[in-house]
Amino acid sequence: MSKPMNFSFLSKDFTQCLKGLFALFVLWHHISQQSMRFYATNLGTIFQMMGYLSVAMFFFISGYGLMKKSGGGYTVFRCLSSKKNPHVLY
């Protein structure tokens, strides 16, 4: 039996759902760009803006999750840069 999902504000379950939704919006944006069917229409403009906003929100939520996971503060950036990119610090 699976545990119930926690949908409190910015919980892990809720942010995972939001990231999935934003990923679908980005996919929709790319499909509308490739088809060129909605190019230079009001609907095309909405798809374009929705794609840009979705990428920004996806990265914001991902960064928020990294901050919460590591305890927050400047240590996140030191930890990420020293473990994955040791040449950045030296």
N, C-alpha and C. Protein backbone atom coordinates (compact mmCIF):
# COMPACT_ATOMS: atom_id res chain seq x y z
N MET A 1 0.84 -1.18 0.00
CA MET A 1 0.00 0.00 0.00
C MET A 1 0.89 1.25 0.00
N SER A 2 0.64 2.16 -0.90
CA SER A 2 1.45 3.37 -0.99
C SER A 2 0.97 4.41 0.01
N LYS A 3 1.94 5.24 0.43
CA LYS A 3 1.57 6.29 1.38
C LYS A 3 0.86 7.42 0.65
N PRO A 4 -0.02 8.15 1.33
CA PRO A 4 -0.73 9.26 0.68
C PRO A 4 0.24 10.39 0.35
N MET A 5 -0.04 11.09 -0.74
CA MET A 5 0.82 12.18 -1.16
C MET A 5 0.62 13.40 -0.27
N ASN A 6 1.69 14.11 -0.03
CA ASN A 6 1.66 15.33 0.77
C ASN A 6 1.61 16.52 -0.18
N PHE A 7 0.47 17.22 -0.22
CA PHE A 7 0.30 18.36 -1.12
C PHE A 7 0.37 19.69 -0.39
N SER A 8 1.09 19.77 0.72
CA SER A 8 1.25 21.05 1.38
C SER A 8 2.14 21.94 0.50
N PHE A 9 2.14 23.21 0.77
CA PHE A 9 2.82 24.19 -0.07
C PHE A 9 4.31 23.88 -0.19
N LEU A 10 4.77 23.65 -1.41
CA LEU A 10 6.16 23.36 -1.76
C LEU A 10 6.71 22.11 -1.06
N SER A 11 5.87 21.13 -0.81
CA SER A 11 6.36 19.84 -0.32
C SER A 11 7.02 19.11 -1.49
N LYS A 12 7.72 18.03 -1.20
CA LYS A 12 8.41 17.29 -2.25
C LYS A 12 7.41 16.74 -3.27
N ASP A 13 6.31 16.15 -2.79
CA ASP A 13 5.32 15.59 -3.72
C ASP A 13 4.70 16.68 -4.60
N PHE A 14 4.37 17.81 -4.01
CA PHE A 14 3.74 18.89 -4.76
C PHE A 14 4.69 19.47 -5.81
N THR A 15 5.96 19.67 -5.44
CA THR A 15 6.91 20.23 -6.40
C THR A 15 7.22 19.24 -7.51
N GLN A 16 7.20 17.94 -7.23
CA GLN A 16 7.38 16.96 -8.29
C GLN A 16 6.23 17.05 -9.31
N CYS A 17 5.02 17.21 -8.80
CA CYS A 17 3.87 17.37 -9.70
C CYS A 17 3.99 18.65 -10.53
N LEU A 18 4.40 19.73 -9.88
CA LEU A 18 4.57 20.99 -10.61
C LEU A 18 5.65 20.88 -11.68
N LYS A 19 6.77 20.24 -11.35
CA LYS A 19 7.83 20.08 -12.34
C LYS A 19 7.37 19.25 -13.53
N GLY A 20 6.57 18.22 -13.28
CA GLY A 20 6.02 17.43 -14.37
C GLY A 20 5.09 18.25 -15.24
N LEU A 21 4.27 19.08 -14.62
CA LEU A 21 3.36 19.94 -15.37
C LEU A 21 4.13 20.95 -16.21
N PHE A 22 5.16 21.56 -15.62
CA PHE A 22 5.96 22.53 -16.37
C PHE A 22 6.73 21.85 -17.50
N ALA A 23 7.18 20.62 -17.29
CA ALA A 23 7.86 19.88 -18.37
C ALA A 23 6.90 19.63 -19.53
N LEU A 24 5.64 19.32 -19.22
CA LEU A 24 4.65 19.14 -20.28
C LEU A 24 4.39 20.43 -21.04
N PHE A 25 4.36 21.55 -20.32
CA PHE A 25 4.18 22.85 -20.98
C PHE A 25 5.35 23.16 -21.91
N VAL A 26 6.57 22.83 -21.49
CA VAL A 26 7.74 23.05 -22.34
C VAL A 26 7.65 22.16 -23.58
N LEU A 27 7.24 20.92 -23.39
CA LEU A 27 7.06 20.02 -24.53
C LEU A 27 6.02 20.57 -25.50
N TRP A 28 4.92 21.06 -24.98
CA TRP A 28 3.87 21.66 -25.79
C TRP A 28 4.40 22.87 -26.56
N HIS A 29 5.22 23.67 -25.89
CA HIS A 29 5.84 24.83 -26.51
C HIS A 29 6.72 24.40 -27.69
N HIS A 30 7.53 23.37 -27.50
CA HIS A 30 8.43 22.91 -28.56
C HIS A 30 7.66 22.31 -29.73
N ILE A 31 6.61 21.58 -29.44
CA ILE A 31 5.79 21.01 -30.51
C ILE A 31 5.13 22.12 -31.33
N SER A 32 4.64 23.15 -30.66
CA SER A 32 4.01 24.26 -31.39
C SER A 32 5.04 25.02 -32.23
N GLN A 33 6.30 25.09 -31.75
CA GLN A 33 7.33 25.75 -32.54
C GLN A 33 7.68 24.94 -33.79
N GLN A 34 7.77 23.63 -33.64
CA GLN A 34 8.15 22.78 -34.76
C GLN A 34 7.06 22.70 -35.83
N SER A 35 5.80 22.72 -35.39
CA SER A 35 4.72 22.58 -36.37
C SER A 35 4.50 23.86 -37.17
N MET A 36 4.86 24.99 -36.62
CA MET A 36 4.69 26.30 -37.26
C MET A 36 3.23 26.59 -37.59
N ARG A 37 2.32 25.83 -37.04
CA ARG A 37 0.90 26.04 -37.32
C ARG A 37 0.38 27.30 -36.62
N PHE A 38 0.92 27.57 -35.44
CA PHE A 38 0.42 28.70 -34.66
C PHE A 38 1.36 29.90 -34.73
N TYR A 39 2.30 29.88 -35.65
CA TYR A 39 3.27 30.97 -35.76
C TYR A 39 2.55 32.28 -36.11
N ALA A 40 2.91 33.34 -35.44
CA ALA A 40 2.37 34.69 -35.67
C ALA A 40 0.87 34.77 -35.42
N THR A 41 0.40 34.00 -34.44
CA THR A 41 -0.99 34.11 -34.00
C THR A 41 -0.99 34.39 -32.50
N ASN A 42 -2.13 34.77 -31.98
CA ASN A 42 -2.22 35.00 -30.54
C ASN A 42 -1.97 33.72 -29.75
N LEU A 43 -2.45 32.60 -30.25
CA LEU A 43 -2.24 31.33 -29.58
C LEU A 43 -0.76 30.95 -29.59
N GLY A 44 -0.07 31.24 -30.68
CA GLY A 44 1.36 30.98 -30.76
C GLY A 44 2.14 31.82 -29.76
N THR A 45 1.73 33.05 -29.58
CA THR A 45 2.37 33.93 -28.60
C THR A 45 2.18 33.40 -27.18
N ILE A 46 0.99 32.90 -26.91
CA ILE A 46 0.72 32.32 -25.58
C ILE A 46 1.58 31.09 -25.37
N PHE A 47 1.68 30.21 -26.39
CA PHE A 47 2.52 29.01 -26.26
C PHE A 47 3.98 29.40 -26.03
N GLN A 48 4.44 30.42 -26.71
CA GLN A 48 5.83 30.86 -26.58
C GLN A 48 6.10 31.37 -25.16
N MET A 49 5.24 32.23 -24.67
CA MET A 49 5.42 32.78 -23.32
C MET A 49 5.28 31.70 -22.27
N MET A 50 4.35 30.77 -22.47
CA MET A 50 4.16 29.69 -21.53
C MET A 50 5.41 28.81 -21.46
N GLY A 51 6.08 28.60 -22.57
CA GLY A 51 7.30 27.82 -22.59
C GLY A 51 8.42 28.49 -21.81
N TYR A 52 8.60 29.79 -22.02
CA TYR A 52 9.65 30.52 -21.30
C TYR A 52 9.39 30.52 -19.79
N LEU A 53 8.16 30.79 -19.42
CA LEU A 53 7.81 30.82 -18.01
C LEU A 53 7.95 29.43 -17.38
N SER A 54 7.60 28.40 -18.11
CA SER A 54 7.68 27.04 -17.58
C SER A 54 9.12 26.63 -17.32
N VAL A 55 10.04 27.00 -18.21
CA VAL A 55 11.45 26.69 -17.99
C VAL A 55 11.96 27.41 -16.74
N ALA A 56 11.60 28.67 -16.60
CA ALA A 56 12.03 29.43 -15.42
C ALA A 56 11.49 28.82 -14.13
N MET A 57 10.22 28.46 -14.13
CA MET A 57 9.63 27.88 -12.92
C MET A 57 10.21 26.50 -12.63
N PHE A 58 10.48 25.70 -13.66
CA PHE A 58 11.08 24.39 -13.46
C PHE A 58 12.44 24.53 -12.78
N PHE A 59 13.27 25.45 -13.27
CA PHE A 59 14.59 25.65 -12.67
C PHE A 59 14.48 26.23 -11.26
N PHE A 60 13.53 27.12 -11.02
CA PHE A 60 13.36 27.68 -9.69
C PHE A 60 12.99 26.58 -8.70
N ILE A 61 12.04 25.74 -9.07
CA ILE A 61 11.61 24.67 -8.17
C ILE A 61 12.73 23.65 -7.95
N SER A 62 13.49 23.35 -9.00
CA SER A 62 14.62 22.43 -8.85
C SER A 62 15.67 23.01 -7.91
N GLY A 63 15.95 24.30 -8.06
CA GLY A 63 16.91 24.94 -7.17
C GLY A 63 16.42 25.00 -5.74
N TYR A 64 15.13 25.23 -5.57
CA TYR A 64 14.55 25.24 -4.23
C TYR A 64 14.70 23.87 -3.59
N GLY A 65 14.47 22.81 -4.36
CA GLY A 65 14.63 21.46 -3.84
C GLY A 65 16.06 21.17 -3.43
N LEU A 66 17.03 21.65 -4.22
CA LEU A 66 18.43 21.47 -3.86
C LEU A 66 18.78 22.21 -2.57
N MET A 67 18.24 23.42 -2.42
CA MET A 67 18.50 24.20 -1.19
C MET A 67 17.92 23.50 0.03
N LYS A 68 16.68 23.02 -0.09
CA LYS A 68 16.04 22.35 1.04
C LYS A 68 16.76 21.04 1.38
N LYS A 69 17.22 20.33 0.37
CA LYS A 69 17.87 19.04 0.58
C LYS A 69 19.19 19.21 1.33
N SER A 70 19.92 20.26 1.02
CA SER A 70 21.23 20.44 1.63
C SER A 70 21.19 21.27 2.91
N GLY A 71 20.06 21.80 3.26
CA GLY A 71 19.98 22.61 4.47
C GLY A 71 19.94 24.09 4.19
N GLY A 72 20.13 24.50 2.96
CA GLY A 72 20.02 25.91 2.59
C GLY A 72 21.29 26.69 2.81
N GLY A 73 21.27 27.90 2.33
CA GLY A 73 22.40 28.81 2.52
C GLY A 73 23.47 28.65 1.45
N TYR A 74 24.60 29.28 1.73
CA TYR A 74 25.72 29.31 0.79
C TYR A 74 26.36 27.95 0.63
N THR A 75 26.19 27.06 1.59
CA THR A 75 26.84 25.75 1.54
C THR A 75 26.37 24.93 0.35
N VAL A 76 25.19 25.20 -0.16
CA VAL A 76 24.70 24.48 -1.33
C VAL A 76 25.65 24.68 -2.49
N PHE A 77 26.01 25.91 -2.75
CA PHE A 77 26.84 26.20 -3.90
C PHE A 77 28.26 25.69 -3.71
N ARG A 78 28.77 25.77 -2.49
CA ARG A 78 30.11 25.23 -2.22
C ARG A 78 30.10 23.72 -2.37
N CYS A 79 29.06 23.08 -1.89
CA CYS A 79 28.96 21.63 -1.96
C CYS A 79 28.84 21.18 -3.42
N LEU A 80 27.97 21.82 -4.18
CA LEU A 80 27.79 21.44 -5.57
C LEU A 80 29.05 21.68 -6.39
N SER A 81 29.65 22.83 -6.19
CA SER A 81 30.81 23.16 -7.01
C SER A 81 32.03 22.35 -6.62
N SER A 82 32.20 22.01 -5.34
CA SER A 82 33.39 21.27 -4.94
C SER A 82 33.29 19.79 -5.27
N LYS A 83 32.10 19.21 -5.24
CA LYS A 83 31.96 17.79 -5.52
C LYS A 83 31.90 17.51 -7.02
N LYS A 84 31.17 18.31 -7.75
CA LYS A 84 30.97 18.02 -9.17
C LYS A 84 31.97 18.75 -10.06
N ASN A 85 32.42 19.91 -9.63
CA ASN A 85 33.35 20.71 -10.44
C ASN A 85 34.50 21.20 -9.56
N PRO A 86 35.42 20.33 -9.20
CA PRO A 86 36.50 20.78 -8.29
C PRO A 86 37.39 21.85 -8.90
N HIS A 87 37.48 21.92 -10.23
CA HIS A 87 38.33 22.93 -10.86
C HIS A 87 37.75 24.33 -10.76
N VAL A 88 36.48 24.47 -10.39
CA VAL A 88 35.86 25.79 -10.27
C VAL A 88 36.42 26.53 -9.06
N LEU A 89 36.71 25.81 -7.99
CA LEU A 89 37.20 26.45 -6.77
C LEU A 89 38.68 26.75 -6.81
N TYR A 90 39.43 26.04 -7.62
CA TYR A 90 40.88 26.21 -7.60
C TYR A 90 41.42 26.71 -8.91
